[in-house]
Amino acid sequence: MGALWPLLVMTGMHRVFTPTIIQTIAETGKEGMVMPSEIGANLSLGGSSLAVAFRTKNRELRQTALAAAASAIVAGISEPALYGVAVRLKRPLIASLINGFICGAVAGIGGLASHSMASPGLFTSVQFFDPANPMSIVWVVAVMILAVLLSFVLTLILGFEDIPETEEESQPTKTKTSEPVQATSVS
């Protein structure tokens, strides 16, 4: 599920799971398949975007990648990283899919389950904390660190074709100075 999540988001099919997540949480108090794999997928896209920002020579792409990484890691909103960086450059998407699979497996091994429905990220990771199982905090932190670091490294290993800066982007904007206008009188 972690490997498929970015592809589901690309097509909008991730919303298909919303009713089942809500129903499962309402009936059992937790959801242990979609949401735990989503945290790895979201943060993987953030880590890949960080790697692109670290490696690119294009200032505009670096700015986009940093903003997208912050959005994915902090808030769990992965669309800017997905569309602005991963799909655009292709190999960061592959790194995210591989890492999403690994992090989803680690989340499953750790028995993580979400107790509410929010897009998983740094600030919303508390939804995975189980008061009955204090080790859940360790597993959540481990999955989050693994997601960012491993996708960062995988993206650097796989590389990507950097987008060259155009001449207009590399030069600061020059404003054209105008001649002072002389006042004329009308008789």
Protein backbone atom coordinates (compact mmCIF):
# COMPACT_ATOMS: atom_id res chain seq x y z
CA MET A 1 0.00 0.00 0.00
CA GLY A 2 2.87 2.40 0.76
CA ALA A 3 4.35 1.87 -2.69
CA LEU A 4 1.01 2.38 -4.42
CA TRP A 5 -0.05 5.46 -2.45
CA PRO A 6 1.66 8.14 -4.62
CA LEU A 7 0.16 6.53 -7.72
CA LEU A 8 -3.27 6.53 -6.12
CA VAL A 9 -2.87 10.21 -5.21
CA MET A 10 -1.86 10.99 -8.80
CA THR A 11 -5.09 9.55 -10.09
CA GLY A 12 -7.27 10.83 -7.24
CA MET A 13 -8.13 7.27 -6.26
CA HIS A 14 -6.77 7.74 -2.74
CA ARG A 15 -10.15 9.25 -1.82
CA VAL A 16 -11.78 5.87 -2.39
CA PHE A 17 -10.37 4.75 0.95
CA THR A 18 -11.85 7.62 2.98
CA PRO A 19 -15.21 5.94 3.77
CA THR A 20 -13.58 2.65 4.75
CA ILE A 21 -11.02 4.41 6.97
CA ILE A 22 -13.75 6.37 8.73
CA GLN A 23 -15.93 3.27 9.12
CA THR A 24 -13.05 1.16 10.46
CA ILE A 25 -12.08 3.83 13.01
CA ALA A 26 -15.74 4.21 14.04
CA GLU A 27 -16.18 0.47 14.57
CA THR A 28 -12.80 -0.56 16.03
CA GLY A 29 -11.23 2.70 17.19
CA LYS A 30 -8.27 2.37 14.85
CA GLU A 31 -7.23 1.73 11.25
CA GLY A 32 -4.08 -0.26 10.60
CA MET A 33 -3.57 -0.60 6.85
CA VAL A 34 -4.02 2.54 4.79
CA MET A 35 -3.00 5.27 7.23
CA PRO A 36 0.25 3.66 8.48
CA SER A 37 1.43 3.06 4.93
CA GLU A 38 0.46 6.61 4.00
CA ILE A 39 2.86 8.13 6.53
CA GLY A 40 5.79 6.39 4.86
CA ALA A 41 4.63 7.43 1.40
CA ASN A 42 4.08 11.08 2.32
CA LEU A 43 7.40 11.50 4.09
CA SER A 44 9.21 9.58 1.33
CA LEU A 45 8.06 12.18 -1.17
CA GLY A 46 9.33 14.84 1.22
CA GLY A 47 12.73 13.16 1.53
CA SER A 48 13.05 12.81 -2.23
CA SER A 49 12.21 16.48 -2.66
CA LEU A 50 14.89 17.38 -0.10
CA ALA A 51 17.44 15.39 -2.11
CA VAL A 52 16.44 17.23 -5.28
CA ALA A 53 16.79 20.57 -3.48
CA PHE A 54 20.21 19.47 -2.21
CA ARG A 55 21.51 18.36 -5.62
CA THR A 56 19.90 20.66 -8.21
CA LYS A 57 21.67 23.67 -9.69
CA ASN A 58 18.37 25.22 -10.77
CA ARG A 59 17.33 27.87 -8.24
CA GLU A 60 13.66 27.75 -9.14
CA LEU A 61 13.55 23.95 -8.84
CA ARG A 62 15.39 24.16 -5.50
CA GLN A 63 12.80 26.58 -4.17
CA THR A 64 9.95 24.37 -5.39
CA ALA A 65 11.56 21.23 -3.95
CA LEU A 66 12.16 22.82 -0.53
CA ALA A 67 8.59 24.07 -0.27
CA ALA A 68 7.24 20.70 -1.44
CA ALA A 69 9.43 18.84 1.06
CA ALA A 70 8.23 21.04 3.92
CA SER A 71 4.62 20.50 2.90
CA ALA A 72 4.99 16.71 2.71
CA ILE A 73 7.04 16.26 5.88
CA VAL A 74 5.43 18.78 8.18
CA ALA A 75 1.79 18.67 7.10
CA GLY A 76 1.52 15.40 5.17
CA ILE A 77 0.39 17.22 2.02
CA SER A 78 2.32 15.36 -0.65
CA GLU A 79 0.81 16.73 -3.86
CA PRO A 80 3.36 19.57 -4.29
CA ALA A 81 6.22 17.07 -3.91
CA LEU A 82 4.48 14.57 -6.17
CA TYR A 83 3.58 16.90 -9.04
CA GLY A 84 6.22 19.60 -8.64
CA VAL A 85 9.22 17.32 -8.17
CA ALA A 86 8.72 13.54 -8.33
CA VAL A 87 6.60 13.17 -11.47
CA ARG A 88 8.47 15.98 -13.18
CA LEU A 89 11.88 14.33 -12.65
CA LYS A 90 10.72 10.65 -12.64
CA ARG A 91 13.58 9.03 -10.66
CA PRO A 92 12.62 10.71 -7.37
CA LEU A 93 9.19 9.11 -7.87
CA ILE A 94 10.82 5.69 -8.24
CA ALA A 95 12.83 6.30 -5.05
CA SER A 96 9.62 7.29 -3.24
CA LEU A 97 7.76 4.19 -4.43
CA ILE A 98 10.57 1.89 -3.27
CA ASN A 99 10.82 3.66 0.06
CA GLY A 100 7.04 3.76 0.49
CA PHE A 101 7.04 -0.03 0.20
CA ILE A 102 9.80 -0.39 2.80
CA CYS A 103 8.26 2.08 5.26
CA GLY A 104 4.81 0.54 4.85
CA ALA A 105 6.31 -2.85 5.72
CA VAL A 106 8.08 -1.41 8.78
CA ALA A 107 4.85 0.29 9.91
CA GLY A 108 3.05 -3.05 9.52
CA ILE A 109 5.73 -4.92 11.47
CA GLY A 110 5.46 -2.30 14.21
CA GLY A 111 1.70 -2.76 14.33
CA LEU A 112 1.00 0.93 13.81
CA ALA A 113 -2.61 2.00 13.58
CA SER A 114 -4.23 5.40 13.25
CA HIS A 115 -6.81 6.46 15.81
CA SER A 116 -8.10 9.39 13.74
CA MET A 117 -8.08 10.48 10.12
CA ALA A 118 -5.66 13.21 9.14
CA SER A 119 -3.08 13.32 6.40
CA PRO A 120 -0.01 11.75 8.06
CA GLY A 121 2.95 14.06 8.59
CA LEU A 122 5.14 15.37 11.38
CA PHE A 123 2.41 17.35 13.17
CA THR A 124 -0.29 14.73 12.71
CA SER A 125 1.85 11.75 13.72
CA VAL A 126 0.21 11.76 17.16
CA GLN A 127 -2.75 9.96 15.59
CA PHE A 128 -0.58 6.80 15.63
CA PHE A 129 0.32 6.96 19.33
CA ASP A 130 -1.43 4.21 21.28
CA PRO A 131 -1.70 4.87 25.03
CA ALA A 132 -1.90 1.12 25.64
CA ASN A 133 1.35 0.55 23.72
CA PRO A 134 4.11 3.08 24.51
CA MET A 135 6.36 1.45 21.89
CA SER A 136 4.06 2.84 19.21
CA ILE A 137 5.81 6.20 19.67
CA VAL A 138 9.16 4.59 18.91
CA TRP A 139 7.77 2.86 15.81
CA VAL A 140 6.20 6.07 14.49
CA VAL A 141 9.42 8.04 14.96
CA ALA A 142 11.43 5.22 13.37
CA VAL A 143 9.15 5.07 10.32
CA MET A 144 9.25 8.84 9.92
CA ILE A 145 13.06 9.02 10.12
CA LEU A 146 13.44 6.02 7.82
CA ALA A 147 11.03 7.52 5.30
CA VAL A 148 12.87 10.83 5.01
CA LEU A 149 16.45 9.56 5.21
CA LEU A 150 16.11 6.49 3.00
CA SER A 151 14.23 8.35 0.25
CA PHE A 152 16.83 11.13 0.42
CA VAL A 153 19.65 8.60 -0.05
CA LEU A 154 17.79 6.59 -2.71
CA THR A 155 17.11 9.74 -4.71
CA LEU A 156 20.78 10.70 -4.57
CA ILE A 157 21.78 7.17 -5.63
CA LEU A 158 19.27 6.97 -8.49
CA GLY A 159 19.98 10.55 -9.48
CA PHE A 160 17.80 12.64 -11.73
CA GLU A 161 18.15 14.72 -14.84
CA ASP A 162 18.49 18.27 -13.57
CA ILE A 163 16.47 20.95 -15.30
CA PRO A 164 18.86 23.57 -16.67
CA GLU A 165 18.29 27.17 -15.71
CA THR A 166 17.30 29.41 -18.56
CA GLU A 167 19.16 32.66 -19.15
CA GLU A 168 16.15 34.62 -17.87
CA GLU A 169 16.05 32.70 -14.57
CA SER A 170 19.76 33.10 -13.87
CA GLN A 171 19.84 36.87 -14.44
CA PRO A 172 18.27 39.22 -11.91
CA THR A 173 15.34 41.16 -13.27
CA LYS A 174 16.45 44.49 -14.66
CA THR A 175 14.02 47.33 -14.63
CA LYS A 176 14.02 49.70 -17.52
CA THR A 177 14.57 53.28 -16.47
CA SER A 178 12.41 55.75 -18.25
CA GLU A 179 13.22 59.26 -19.31
CA PRO A 180 11.64 61.99 -17.20
CA VAL A 181 8.51 63.30 -18.78
CA GLN A 182 8.50 67.03 -19.46
CA ALA A 183 5.37 68.95 -18.81
CA THR A 184 3.92 70.83 -21.73
CA SER A 185 1.32 73.47 -21.55
CA VAL A 186 -1.69 73.48 -23.77
CA SER A 187 -2.88 76.89 -24.93
